[in-house]
Structures are given as C-alpha cells and as structure tokens.
Amino acid sequence: MRDITFYKTTQGKTPVEEFLDNLSAKHAQKVVWVMQLVEELERIPAQYLKKLSGTEEIWEIRAQVGSDIFRILGFFIDSHTFLATNGFQKKSMAVPKSEISLAEKRRKDYLRNK
C-alpha cells in the first residue's frame, strides 16, 4: 500500500490538485482512478507508473482517456510515499523537458526543506 501526497508551494498552493480541478469530470475521474491503482496495487503495470530515464528519480503516473494523455510527475519520498509535483496533458511522444525540470526543482526544494 502506498500514499500519494501533493507537493505544496511556499505560497501554500498544490499544483497537482489545481491541475485535477481544471480537468473535465471524465478526465479527472480516470486520472484519480489510476492514482488509486498506484496506491493500492502491490505491483503496478508500467502503463500506469514508470520511472523517467535520465532523471533524478522522477516517475510518471500515466493515464489515458481515448486520445487524451495525462501525466502526473513526482518522486518517492520512501517506498510507501509518492510526492506528486506537477501534472499536465501530454501532447507529444516525449515528456516536455520543462515539466521534468519543474519536477526535479520541486524534488530538490522538498529534500532541502525536509
């Protein structure tokens, strides 16, 4: 069993929560369903959770609704806690470098302030 928690900015905002709030009900429902799988399944299929190669321990939670693809990036604080740092709708094959950089920056901020 794992917990997914959301990164909080110094201003008290939770970017992943804001991302989910801005999705349609259908899209948000699917993303939340995948997040629940990550929390509950002992072994998570790569179609739902995958480490991004070439990153500093950044992982992506992967959800798809038809042709719409959504990603939640984050990292594991420990083996049972995933900190979700940012979410976005994927529009190309590659994960945007700006989203990876943002996740890595938030990881460093979290580890520094821990």
PDB file of N, CA and C in Angstrom:
ATOM      1  N   MET A   1       0.848  -1.195   0.000  1.00  0.00           N
ATOM      2  CA  MET A   1       0.000   0.000   0.000  1.00  0.00           C
ATOM      3  C   MET A   1       0.883   1.246   0.000  1.00  0.00           C
ATOM      4  N   ARG A   2       0.528   2.187  -0.826  1.00  0.00           N
ATOM      5  CA  ARG A   2       1.274   3.445  -0.923  1.00  0.00           C
ATOM      6  C   ARG A   2       0.336   4.624  -0.686  1.00  0.00           C
ATOM      7  N   ASP A   3       0.943   5.755  -0.371  1.00  0.00           N
ATOM      8  CA  ASP A   3       0.194   7.018  -0.278  1.00  0.00           C
ATOM      9  C   ASP A   3       0.719   7.956  -1.346  1.00  0.00           C
ATOM     10  N   ILE A   4      -0.183   8.672  -1.968  1.00  0.00           N
ATOM     11  CA  ILE A   4       0.205   9.745  -2.890  1.00  0.00           C
ATOM     12  C   ILE A   4      -0.150  11.050  -2.199  1.00  0.00           C
ATOM     13  N   THR A   5       0.857  11.882  -2.018  1.00  0.00           N
ATOM     14  CA  THR A   5       0.632  13.204  -1.443  1.00  0.00           C
ATOM     15  C   THR A   5       0.990  14.247  -2.492  1.00  0.00           C
ATOM     16  N   PHE A   6       0.492  15.452  -2.303  1.00  0.00           N
ATOM     17  CA  PHE A   6       0.717  16.522  -3.272  1.00  0.00           C
ATOM     18  C   PHE A   6       1.730  17.525  -2.740  1.00  0.00           C
ATOM     19  N   TYR A   7       2.632  17.911  -3.604  1.00  0.00           N
ATOM     20  CA  TYR A   7       3.621  18.948  -3.309  1.00  0.00           C
ATOM     21  C   TYR A   7       2.899  20.269  -3.039  1.00  0.00           C
ATOM     22  N   LYS A   8       3.360  20.991  -2.019  1.00  0.00           N
ATOM     23  CA  LYS A   8       2.825  22.329  -1.708  1.00  0.00           C
ATOM     24  C   LYS A   8       3.904  23.353  -1.960  1.00  0.00           C
ATOM     25  N   THR A   9       3.536  24.424  -2.670  1.00  0.00           N
ATOM     26  CA  THR A   9       4.483  25.507  -2.914  1.00  0.00           C
ATOM     27  C   THR A   9       4.642  26.332  -1.635  1.00  0.00           C
ATOM     28  N   THR A  10       5.623  27.218  -1.631  1.00  0.00           N
ATOM     29  CA  THR A  10       5.818  28.078  -0.463  1.00  0.00           C
ATOM     30  C   THR A  10       4.625  29.004  -0.240  1.00  0.00           C
ATOM     31  N   GLN A  11       3.834  29.214  -1.303  1.00  0.00           N
ATOM     32  CA  GLN A  11       2.620  30.035  -1.181  1.00  0.00           C
ATOM     33  C   GLN A  11       1.414  29.205  -0.722  1.00  0.00           C
ATOM     34  N   GLY A  12       1.634  27.908  -0.473  1.00  0.00           N
ATOM     35  CA  GLY A  12       0.553  27.051   0.011  1.00  0.00           C
ATOM     36  C   GLY A  12      -0.313  26.453  -1.082  1.00  0.00           C
ATOM     37  N   LYS A  13       0.079  26.607  -2.339  1.00  0.00           N
ATOM     38  CA  LYS A  13      -0.704  26.043  -3.444  1.00  0.00           C
ATOM     39  C   LYS A  13      -0.288  24.593  -3.684  1.00  0.00           C
ATOM     40  N   THR A  14      -1.226  23.807  -4.189  1.00  0.00           N
ATOM     41  CA  THR A  14      -0.948  22.417  -4.548  1.00  0.00           C
ATOM     42  C   THR A  14      -1.184  22.264  -6.056  1.00  0.00           C
ATOM     43  N   PRO A  15      -0.112  22.344  -6.841  1.00  0.00           N
ATOM     44  CA  PRO A  15      -0.241  22.348  -8.301  1.00  0.00           C
ATOM     45  C   PRO A  15      -0.977  21.134  -8.881  1.00  0.00           C
ATOM     46  N   VAL A  16      -0.777  19.950  -8.318  1.00  0.00           N
ATOM     47  CA  VAL A  16      -1.451  18.765  -8.866  1.00  0.00           C
ATOM     48  C   VAL A  16      -2.948  18.840  -8.592  1.00  0.00           C
ATOM     49  N   GLU A  17      -3.306  19.297  -7.413  1.00  0.00           N
ATOM     50  CA  GLU A  17      -4.729  19.458  -7.092  1.00  0.00           C
ATOM     51  C   GLU A  17      -5.376  20.468  -8.038  1.00  0.00           C
ATOM     52  N   GLU A  18      -4.682  21.571  -8.301  1.00  0.00           N
ATOM     53  CA  GLU A  18      -5.201  22.574  -9.238  1.00  0.00           C
ATOM     54  C   GLU A  18      -5.326  21.993 -10.647  1.00  0.00           C
ATOM     55  N   PHE A  19      -4.341  21.183 -11.057  1.00  0.00           N
ATOM     56  CA  PHE A  19      -4.399  20.527 -12.363  1.00  0.00           C
ATOM     57  C   PHE A  19      -5.633  19.630 -12.448  1.00  0.00           C
ATOM     58  N   LEU A  20      -5.855  18.811 -11.432  1.00  0.00           N
ATOM     59  CA  LEU A  20      -7.005  17.906 -11.428  1.00  0.00           C
ATOM     60  C   LEU A  20      -8.324  18.676 -11.434  1.00  0.00           C
ATOM     61  N   ASP A  21      -8.374  19.777 -10.689  1.00  0.00           N
ATOM     62  CA  ASP A  21      -9.595  20.587 -10.628  1.00  0.00           C
ATOM     63  C   ASP A  21      -9.953  21.194 -11.981  1.00  0.00           C
ATOM     64  N   ASN A  22      -8.949  21.404 -12.844  1.00  0.00           N
ATOM     65  CA  ASN A  22      -9.193  22.018 -14.145  1.00  0.00           C
ATOM     66  C   ASN A  22      -9.506  21.011 -15.252  1.00  0.00           C
ATOM     67  N   LEU A  23      -9.449  19.716 -14.938  1.00  0.00           N
ATOM     68  CA  LEU A  23      -9.799  18.698 -15.927  1.00  0.00           C
ATOM     69  C   LEU A  23     -11.310  18.520 -15.978  1.00  0.00           C
ATOM     70  N   SER A  24     -11.794  17.973 -17.087  1.00  0.00           N
ATOM     71  CA  SER A  24     -13.213  17.618 -17.153  1.00  0.00           C
ATOM     72  C   SER A  24     -13.463  16.501 -16.145  1.00  0.00           C
ATOM     73  N   ALA A  25     -14.702  16.303 -15.766  1.00  0.00           N
ATOM     74  CA  ALA A  25     -15.033  15.269 -14.780  1.00  0.00           C
ATOM     75  C   ALA A  25     -14.569  13.897 -15.265  1.00  0.00           C
ATOM     76  N   LYS A  26     -14.769  13.602 -16.529  1.00  0.00           N
ATOM     77  CA  LYS A  26     -14.379  12.302 -17.105  1.00  0.00           C
ATOM     78  C   LYS A  26     -12.864  12.100 -17.035  1.00  0.00           C
ATOM     79  N   HIS A  27     -12.113  13.128 -17.409  1.00  0.00           N
ATOM     80  CA  HIS A  27     -10.656  13.038 -17.384  1.00  0.00           C
ATOM     81  C   HIS A  27     -10.134  12.937 -15.946  1.00  0.00           C
ATOM     82  N   ALA A  28     -10.658  13.761 -15.062  1.00  0.00           N
ATOM     83  CA  ALA A  28     -10.228  13.740 -13.663  1.00  0.00           C
ATOM     84  C   ALA A  28     -10.525  12.383 -13.036  1.00  0.00           C
ATOM     85  N   GLN A  29     -11.681  11.817 -13.352  1.00  0.00           N
ATOM     86  CA  GLN A  29     -12.061  10.521 -12.800  1.00  0.00           C
ATOM     87  C   GLN A  29     -11.050   9.446 -13.205  1.00  0.00           C
ATOM     88  N   LYS A  30     -10.609   9.457 -14.450  1.00  0.00           N
ATOM     89  CA  LYS A  30      -9.641   8.458 -14.920  1.00  0.00           C
ATOM     90  C   LYS A  30      -8.281   8.663 -14.255  1.00  0.00           C
ATOM     91  N   VAL A  31      -7.819   9.902 -14.163  1.00  0.00           N
ATOM     92  CA  VAL A  31      -6.525  10.171 -13.539  1.00  0.00           C
ATOM     93  C   VAL A  31      -6.555   9.743 -12.074  1.00  0.00           C
ATOM     94  N   VAL A  32      -7.619  10.066 -11.372  1.00  0.00           N
ATOM     95  CA  VAL A  32      -7.741   9.683  -9.964  1.00  0.00           C
ATOM     96  C   VAL A  32      -7.817   8.161  -9.833  1.00  0.00           C
ATOM     97  N   TRP A  33      -8.496   7.489 -10.755  1.00  0.00           N
ATOM     98  CA  TRP A  33      -8.577   6.032 -10.743  1.00  0.00           C
ATOM     99  C   TRP A  33      -7.178   5.418 -10.866  1.00  0.00           C
ATOM    100  N   VAL A  34      -6.372   5.945 -11.787  1.00  0.00           N
ATOM    101  CA  VAL A  34      -5.005   5.443 -11.950  1.00  0.00           C
ATOM    102  C   VAL A  34      -4.188   5.716 -10.684  1.00  0.00           C
ATOM    103  N   MET A  35      -4.365   6.885 -10.093  1.00  0.00           N
ATOM    104  CA  MET A  35      -3.648   7.196  -8.851  1.00  0.00           C
ATOM    105  C   MET A  35      -4.035   6.204  -7.743  1.00  0.00           C
ATOM    106  N   GLN A  36      -5.303   5.808  -7.703  1.00  0.00           N
ATOM    107  CA  GLN A  36      -5.740   4.825  -6.714  1.00  0.00           C
ATOM    108  C   GLN A  36      -5.085   3.464  -6.970  1.00  0.00           C
ATOM    109  N   LEU A  37      -4.923   3.091  -8.250  1.00  0.00           N
ATOM    110  CA  LEU A  37      -4.217   1.849  -8.572  1.00  0.00           C
ATOM    111  C   LEU A  37      -2.784   1.893  -8.028  1.00  0.00           C
ATOM    112  N   VAL A  38      -2.124   3.031  -8.234  1.00  0.00           N
ATOM    113  CA  VAL A  38      -0.744   3.190  -7.750  1.00  0.00           C
ATOM    114  C   VAL A  38      -0.703   3.033  -6.232  1.00  0.00           C
ATOM    115  N   GLU A  39      -1.715   3.547  -5.558  1.00  0.00           N
ATOM    116  CA  GLU A  39      -1.754   3.434  -4.100  1.00  0.00           C
ATOM    117  C   GLU A  39      -2.033   2.000  -3.641  1.00  0.00           C
ATOM    118  N   GLU A  40      -2.876   1.288  -4.369  1.00  0.00           N
ATOM    119  CA  GLU A  40      -3.392   0.011  -3.873  1.00  0.00           C
ATOM    120  C   GLU A  40      -2.684  -1.234  -4.390  1.00  0.00           C
ATOM    121  N   LEU A  41      -2.211  -1.229  -5.632  1.00  0.00           N
ATOM    122  CA  LEU A  41      -1.609  -2.438  -6.193  1.00  0.00           C
ATOM    123  C   LEU A  41      -0.193  -2.652  -5.675  1.00  0.00           C
ATOM    124  N   GLU A  42       0.125  -3.911  -5.375  1.00  0.00           N
ATOM    125  CA  GLU A  42       1.485  -4.219  -4.944  1.00  0.00           C
ATOM    126  C   GLU A  42       2.452  -4.056  -6.114  1.00  0.00           C
ATOM    127  N   ARG A  43       2.079  -4.582  -7.268  1.00  0.00           N
ATOM    128  CA  ARG A  43       2.897  -4.465  -8.480  1.00  0.00           C
ATOM    129  C   ARG A  43       2.115  -3.633  -9.480  1.00  0.00           C
ATOM    130  N   ILE A  44       2.679  -2.512  -9.861  1.00  0.00           N
ATOM    131  CA  ILE A  44       1.978  -1.570 -10.736  1.00  0.00           C
ATOM    132  C   ILE A  44       2.472  -1.757 -12.167  1.00  0.00           C
ATOM    133  N   PRO A  45       1.563  -2.020 -13.109  1.00  0.00           N
ATOM    134  CA  PRO A  45       1.981  -2.148 -14.509  1.00  0.00           C
ATOM    135  C   PRO A  45       2.619  -0.849 -15.014  1.00  0.00           C
ATOM    136  N   ALA A  46       3.613  -0.986 -15.902  1.00  0.00           N
ATOM    137  CA  ALA A  46       4.327   0.177 -16.448  1.00  0.00           C
ATOM    138  C   ALA A  46       3.400   1.105 -17.217  1.00  0.00           C
ATOM    139  N   GLN A  47       2.265   0.611 -17.652  1.00  0.00           N
ATOM    140  CA  GLN A  47       1.337   1.502 -18.355  1.00  0.00           C
ATOM    141  C   GLN A  47       0.757   2.562 -17.416  1.00  0.00           C
ATOM    142  N   TYR A  48       0.875   2.346 -16.101  1.00  0.00           N
ATOM    143  CA  TYR A  48       0.347   3.296 -15.117  1.00  0.00           C
ATOM    144  C   TYR A  48       1.423   4.047 -14.326  1.00  0.00           C
ATOM    145  N   LEU A  49       2.599   3.449 -14.171  1.00  0.00           N
ATOM    146  CA  LEU A  49       3.669   4.088 -13.406  1.00  0.00           C
ATOM    147  C   LEU A  49       5.006   3.686 -14.002  1.00  0.00           C
ATOM    148  N   LYS A  50       5.826   4.701 -14.294  1.00  0.00           N
ATOM    149  CA  LYS A  50       7.115   4.420 -14.931  1.00  0.00           C
ATOM    150  C   LYS A  50       8.130   5.480 -14.507  1.00  0.00           C
ATOM    151  N   LYS A  51       9.364   5.026 -14.257  1.00  0.00           N
ATOM    152  CA  LYS A  51      10.447   5.963 -13.965  1.00  0.00           C
ATOM    153  C   LYS A  51      10.882   6.601 -15.275  1.00  0.00           C
ATOM    154  N   LEU A  52      11.104   7.909 -15.250  1.00  0.00           N
ATOM    155  CA  LEU A  52      11.584   8.609 -16.435  1.00  0.00           C
ATOM    156  C   LEU A  52      13.091   8.454 -16.528  1.00  0.00           C
ATOM    157  N   SER A  53      13.573   7.879 -17.614  1.00  0.00           N
ATOM    158  CA  SER A  53      15.015   7.678 -17.764  1.00  0.00           C
ATOM    159  C   SER A  53      15.715   9.023 -17.911  1.00  0.00           C
ATOM    160  N   GLY A  54      16.935   9.074 -17.410  1.00  0.00           N
ATOM    161  CA  GLY A  54      17.721  10.302 -17.496  1.00  0.00           C
ATOM    162  C   GLY A  54      17.317  11.373 -16.503  1.00  0.00           C
ATOM    163  N   THR A  55      16.560  10.996 -15.474  1.00  0.00           N
ATOM    164  CA  THR A  55      16.117  11.978 -14.470  1.00  0.00           C
ATOM    165  C   THR A  55      16.651  11.587 -13.104  1.00  0.00           C
ATOM    166  N   GLU A  56      16.525  12.525 -12.179  1.00  0.00           N
ATOM    167  CA  GLU A  56      16.907  12.278 -10.794  1.00  0.00           C
ATOM    168  C   GLU A  56      15.713  11.694 -10.028  1.00  0.00           C
ATOM    169  N   GLU A  57      15.420  10.437 -10.289  1.00  0.00           N
ATOM    170  CA  GLU A  57      14.352   9.722  -9.579  1.00  0.00           C
ATOM    171  C   GLU A  57      12.955  10.298  -9.807  1.00  0.00           C
ATOM    172  N   ILE A  58      12.703  10.835 -10.994  1.00  0.00           N
ATOM    173  CA  ILE A  58      11.360  11.326 -11.312  1.00  0.00           C
ATOM    174  C   ILE A  58      10.572  10.197 -11.979  1.00  0.00           C
ATOM    175  N   TRP A  59       9.365  10.003 -11.488  1.00  0.00           N
ATOM    176  CA  TRP A  59       8.458   8.986 -12.004  1.00  0.00           C
ATOM    177  C   TRP A  59       7.239   9.668 -12.599  1.00  0.00           C
ATOM    178  N   GLU A  60       6.527   8.956 -13.477  1.00  0.00           N
ATOM    179  CA  GLU A  60       5.285   9.486 -14.030  1.00  0.00           C
ATOM    180  C   GLU A  60       4.148   8.513 -13.798  1.00  0.00           C
ATOM    181  N   ILE A  61       3.043   9.046 -13.323  1.00  0.00           N
ATOM    182  CA  ILE A  61       1.786   8.311 -13.262  1.00  0.00           C
ATOM    183  C   ILE A  61       1.112   8.599 -14.594  1.00  0.00           C
ATOM    184  N   ARG A  62       0.678   7.536 -15.274  1.00  0.00           N
ATOM    185  CA  ARG A  62       0.230   7.649 -16.662  1.00  0.00           C
ATOM    186  C   ARG A  62      -1.249   7.294 -16.795  1.00  0.00           C
ATOM    187  N   ALA A  63      -2.026   8.215 -17.331  1.00  0.00           N
ATOM    188  CA  ALA A  63      -3.454   7.967 -17.544  1.00  0.00           C
ATOM    189  C   ALA A  63      -3.822   8.371 -18.961  1.00  0.00           C
ATOM    190  N   GLN A  64      -4.727   7.609 -19.569  1.00  0.00           N
ATOM    191  CA  GLN A  64      -5.172   7.918 -20.922  1.00  0.00           C
ATOM    192  C   GLN A  64      -6.676   7.728 -21.013  1.00  0.00           C
ATOM    193  N   VAL A  65      -7.329   8.700 -21.645  1.00  0.00           N
ATOM    194  CA  VAL A  65      -8.763   8.639 -21.911  1.00  0.00           C
ATOM    195  C   VAL A  65      -8.909   8.874 -23.408  1.00  0.00           C
ATOM    196  N   GLY A  66      -9.168   7.815 -24.160  1.00  0.00           N
ATOM    197  CA  GLY A  66      -9.217   7.935 -25.619  1.00  0.00           C
ATOM    198  C   GLY A  66      -7.864   8.405 -26.126  1.00  0.00           C
ATOM    199  N   SER A  67      -7.860   9.506 -26.869  1.00  0.00           N
ATOM    200  CA  SER A  67      -6.590  10.038 -27.382  1.00  0.00           C
ATOM    201  C   SER A  67      -5.968  11.081 -26.436  1.00  0.00           C
ATOM    202  N   ASP A  68      -6.629  11.355 -25.326  1.00  0.00           N
ATOM    203  CA  ASP A  68      -6.107  12.317 -24.352  1.00  0.00           C
ATOM    204  C   ASP A  68      -5.195  11.603 -23.353  1.00  0.00           C
ATOM    205  N   ILE A  69      -3.970  12.122 -23.223  1.00  0.00           N
ATOM    206  CA  ILE A  69      -2.962  11.511 -22.356  1.00  0.00           C
ATOM    207  C   ILE A  69      -2.589  12.496 -21.257  1.00  0.00           C
ATOM    208  N   PHE A  70      -2.585  11.995 -20.015  1.00  0.00           N
ATOM    209  CA  PHE A  70      -2.283  12.836 -18.863  1.00  0.00           C
ATOM    210  C   PHE A  70      -1.148  12.213 -18.065  1.00  0.00           C
ATOM    211  N   ARG A  71      -0.324  13.085 -17.487  1.00  0.00           N
ATOM    212  CA  ARG A  71       0.795  12.635 -16.673  1.00  0.00           C
ATOM    213  C   ARG A  71       0.829  13.424 -15.366  1.00  0.00           C
ATOM    214  N   ILE A  72       1.150  12.705 -14.305  1.00  0.00           N
ATOM    215  CA  ILE A  72       1.439  13.308 -13.009  1.00  0.00           C
ATOM    216  C   ILE A  72       2.885  12.920 -12.710  1.00  0.00           C
ATOM    217  N   LEU A  73       3.756  13.904 -12.567  1.00  0.00           N
ATOM    218  CA  LEU A  73       5.152  13.625 -12.251  1.00  0.00           C
ATOM    219  C   LEU A  73       5.378  13.762 -10.756  1.00  0.00           C
ATOM    220  N   GLY A  74       6.396  13.068 -10.265  1.00  0.00           N
ATOM    221  CA  GLY A  74       6.740  13.146  -8.865  1.00  0.00           C
ATOM    222  C   GLY A  74       7.863  12.183  -8.532  1.00  0.00           C
ATOM    223  N   PHE A  75       8.023  11.922  -7.255  1.00  0.00           N
ATOM    224  CA  PHE A  75       9.104  11.055  -6.799  1.00  0.00           C
ATOM    225  C   PHE A  75       8.682  10.347  -5.515  1.00  0.00           C
ATOM    226  N   PHE A  76       9.407   9.272  -5.210  1.00  0.00           N
ATOM    227  CA  PHE A  76       9.133   8.537  -3.983  1.00  0.00           C
ATOM    228  C   PHE A  76       9.961   9.118  -2.844  1.00  0.00           C
ATOM    229  N   ILE A  77       9.274   9.531  -1.788  1.00  0.00           N
ATOM    230  CA  ILE A  77       9.932  10.008  -0.574  1.00  0.00           C
ATOM    231  C   ILE A  77      10.540   8.800   0.134  1.00  0.00           C
ATOM    232  N   ASP A  78       9.786   7.716   0.172  1.00  0.00           N
ATOM    233  CA  ASP A  78      10.235   6.425   0.678  1.00  0.00           C
ATOM    234  C   ASP A  78       9.468   5.370  -0.113  1.00  0.00           C
ATOM    235  N   SER A  79       9.593   4.116   0.232  1.00  0.00           N
ATOM    236  CA  SER A  79       8.970   3.064  -0.579  1.00  0.00           C
ATOM    237  C   SER A  79       7.442   3.094  -0.539  1.00  0.00           C
ATOM    238  N   HIS A  80       6.870   3.838   0.380  1.00  0.00           N
ATOM    239  CA  HIS A  80       5.415   3.863   0.527  1.00  0.00           C
ATOM    240  C   HIS A  80       4.776   5.226   0.280  1.00  0.00           C
ATOM    241  N   THR A  81       5.575   6.237  -0.059  1.00  0.00           N
ATOM    242  CA  THR A  81       5.020   7.578  -0.227  1.00  0.00           C
ATOM    243  C   THR A  81       5.522   8.213  -1.514  1.00  0.00           C
ATOM    244  N   PHE A  82       4.571   8.559  -2.384  1.00  0.00           N
ATOM    245  CA  PHE A  82       4.870   9.233  -3.647  1.00  0.00           C
ATOM    246  C   PHE A  82       4.431  10.687  -3.508  1.00  0.00           C
ATOM    247  N   LEU A  83       5.338  11.612  -3.785  1.00  0.00           N
ATOM    248  CA  LEU A  83       5.005  13.035  -3.750  1.00  0.00           C
ATOM    249  C   LEU A  83       4.788  13.508  -5.178  1.00  0.00           C
ATOM    250  N   ALA A  84       3.547  13.827  -5.514  1.00  0.00           N
ATOM    251  CA  ALA A  84       3.185  14.300  -6.854  1.00  0.00           C
ATOM    252  C   ALA A  84       3.508  15.786  -6.953  1.00  0.00           C
ATOM    253  N   THR A  85       4.345  16.153  -7.925  1.00  0.00           N
ATOM    254  CA  THR A  85       4.827  17.530  -8.015  1.00  0.00           C
ATOM    255  C   THR A  85       4.102  18.367  -9.057  1.00  0.00           C
ATOM    256  N   ASN A  86       3.742  17.773 -10.188  1.00  0.00           N
ATOM    257  CA  ASN A  86       3.078  18.532 -11.242  1.00  0.00           C
ATOM    258  C   ASN A  86       2.337  17.582 -12.180  1.00  0.00           C
ATOM    259  N   GLY A  87       1.320  18.132 -12.833  1.00  0.00           N
ATOM    260  CA  GLY A  87       0.522  17.362 -13.777  1.00  0.00           C
ATOM    261  C   GLY A  87       0.325  18.148 -15.054  1.00  0.00           C
ATOM    262  N   PHE A  88       0.127  17.427 -16.154  1.00  0.00           N
ATOM    263  CA  PHE A  88      -0.063  18.087 -17.441  1.00  0.00           C
ATOM    264  C   PHE A  88      -0.711  17.130 -18.419  1.00  0.00           C
ATOM    265  N   GLN A  89      -1.259  17.700 -19.482  1.00  0.00           N
ATOM    266  CA  GLN A  89      -1.777  16.901 -20.584  1.00  0.00           C
ATOM    267  C   GLN A  89      -0.655  16.757 -21.600  1.00  0.00           C
ATOM    268  N   LYS A  90      -0.376  15.534 -21.953  1.00  0.00           N
ATOM    269  CA  LYS A  90       0.725  15.251 -22.869  1.00  0.00           C
ATOM    270  C   LYS A  90       0.238  15.391 -24.301  1.00  0.00           C
ATOM    271  N   LYS A  91       0.986  16.153 -25.110  1.00  0.00           N
ATOM    272  CA  LYS A  91       0.567  16.404 -26.483  1.00  0.00           C
ATOM    273  C   LYS A  91       1.545  15.855 -27.515  1.00  0.00           C
ATOM    274  N   SER A  92       2.676  15.307 -27.050  1.00  0.00           N
ATOM    275  CA  SER A  92       3.654  14.737 -27.977  1.00  0.00           C
ATOM    276  C   SER A  92       4.200  13.447 -27.377  1.00  0.00           C
ATOM    277  N   MET A  93       5.033  12.751 -28.128  1.00  0.00           N
ATOM    278  CA  MET A  93       5.583  11.483 -27.645  1.00  0.00           C
ATOM    279  C   MET A  93       6.461  11.680 -26.413  1.00  0.00           C
ATOM    280  N   ALA A  94       7.276  12.707 -26.405  1.00  0.00           N
ATOM    281  CA  ALA A  94       8.213  12.928 -25.300  1.00  0.00           C
ATOM    282  C   ALA A  94       7.560  13.761 -24.196  1.00  0.00           C
ATOM    283  N   VAL A  95       7.990  13.481 -22.977  1.00  0.00           N
ATOM    284  CA  VAL A  95       7.562  14.319 -21.853  1.00  0.00           C
ATOM    285  C   VAL A  95       8.316  15.637 -21.984  1.00  0.00           C
ATOM    286  N   PRO A  96       7.608  16.767 -21.948  1.00  0.00           N
ATOM    287  CA  PRO A  96       8.286  18.062 -22.095  1.00  0.00           C
ATOM    288  C   PRO A  96       9.395  18.264 -21.054  1.00  0.00           C
ATOM    289  N   LYS A  97      10.545  18.736 -21.524  1.00  0.00           N
ATOM    290  CA  LYS A  97      11.683  18.982 -20.634  1.00  0.00           C
ATOM    291  C   LYS A  97      11.315  19.970 -19.525  1.00  0.00           C
ATOM    292  N   SER A  98      10.454  20.930 -19.850  1.00  0.00           N
ATOM    293  CA  SER A  98      10.064  21.925 -18.842  1.00  0.00           C
ATOM    294  C   SER A  98       9.317  21.264 -17.681  1.00  0.00           C
ATOM    295  N   GLU A  99       8.511  20.249 -17.971  1.00  0.00           N
ATOM    296  CA  GLU A  99       7.776  19.542 -16.908  1.00  0.00           C
ATOM    297  C   GLU A  99       8.735  18.702 -16.069  1.00  0.00           C
ATOM    298  N   ILE A 100       9.704  18.056 -16.714  1.00  0.00           N
ATOM    299  CA  ILE A 100      10.709  17.276 -15.982  1.00  0.00           C
ATOM    300  C   ILE A 100      11.536  18.204 -15.097  1.00  0.00           C
ATOM    301  N   SER A 101      11.965  19.338 -15.648  1.00  0.00           N
ATOM    302  CA  SER A 101      12.757  20.307 -14.871  1.00  0.00           C
ATOM    303  C   SER A 101      11.980  20.806 -13.662  1.00  0.00           C
ATOM    304  N   LEU A 102      10.697  21.064 -13.847  1.00  0.00           N
ATOM    305  CA  LEU A 102       9.850  21.532 -12.750  1.00  0.00           C
ATOM    306  C   LEU A 102       9.761  20.465 -11.658  1.00  0.00           C
ATOM    307  N   ALA A 103       9.573  19.215 -12.054  1.00  0.00           N
ATOM    308  CA  ALA A 103       9.502  18.123 -11.075  1.00  0.00           C
ATOM    309  C   ALA A 103      10.824  17.987 -10.327  1.00  0.00           C
ATOM    310  N   GLU A 104      11.943  18.075 -11.051  1.00  0.00           N
ATOM    311  CA  GLU A 104      13.254  17.968 -10.404  1.00  0.00           C
ATOM    312  C   GLU A 104      13.509  19.137  -9.455  1.00  0.00           C
ATOM    313  N   LYS A 105      13.103  20.339  -9.851  1.00  0.00           N
ATOM    314  CA  LYS A 105      13.259  21.514  -8.986  1.00  0.00           C
ATOM    315  C   LYS A 105      12.449  21.337  -7.700  1.00  0.00           C
ATOM    316  N   ARG A 106      11.218  20.875  -7.847  1.00  0.00           N
ATOM    317  CA  ARG A 106      10.367  20.688  -6.668  1.00  0.00           C
ATOM    318  C   ARG A 106      10.890  19.559  -5.784  1.00  0.00           C
ATOM    319  N   ARG A 107      11.477  18.536  -6.384  1.00  0.00           N
ATOM    320  CA  ARG A 107      12.097  17.462  -5.601  1.00  0.00           C
ATOM    321  C   ARG A 107      13.249  18.038  -4.763  1.00  0.00           C
ATOM    322  N   LYS A 108      14.109  18.831  -5.392  1.00  0.00           N
ATOM    323  CA  LYS A 108      15.244  19.438  -4.675  1.00  0.00           C
ATOM    324  C   LYS A 108      14.742  20.352  -3.562  1.00  0.00           C
ATOM    325  N   ASP A 109      13.712  21.164  -3.857  1.00  0.00           N
ATOM    326  CA  ASP A 109      13.149  22.045  -2.839  1.00  0.00           C
ATOM    327  C   ASP A 109      12.627  21.239  -1.657  1.00  0.00           C
ATOM    328  N   TYR A 110      11.904  20.172  -1.947  1.00  0.00           N
ATOM    329  CA  TYR A 110      11.351  19.334  -0.891  1.00  0.00           C
ATOM    330  C   TYR A 110      12.469  18.733  -0.036  1.00  0.00           C
ATOM    331  N   LEU A 111      13.465  18.151  -0.678  1.00  0.00           N
ATOM    332  CA  LEU A 111      14.557  17.498   0.049  1.00  0.00           C
ATOM    333  C   LEU A 111      15.363  18.506   0.877  1.00  0.00           C
ATOM    334  N   ARG A 112      15.521  19.716   0.348  1.00  0.00           N
ATOM    335  CA  ARG A 112      16.266  20.766   1.065  1.00  0.00           C
ATOM    336  C   ARG A 112      15.496  21.227   2.299  1.00  0.00           C
ATOM    337  N   ASN A 113      14.184  21.320   2.199  1.00  0.00           N
ATOM    338  CA  ASN A 113      13.353  21.846   3.299  1.00  0.00           C
ATOM    339  C   ASN A 113      12.799  20.766   4.218  1.00  0.00           C
ATOM    340  N   LYS A 114      13.090  19.539   3.946  1.00  0.00           N
ATOM    341  CA  LYS A 114      12.544  18.403   4.691  1.00  0.00           C
ATOM    342  C   LYS A 114      12.939  18.433   6.148  1.00  0.00           C
TER     343      LYS A 114
END
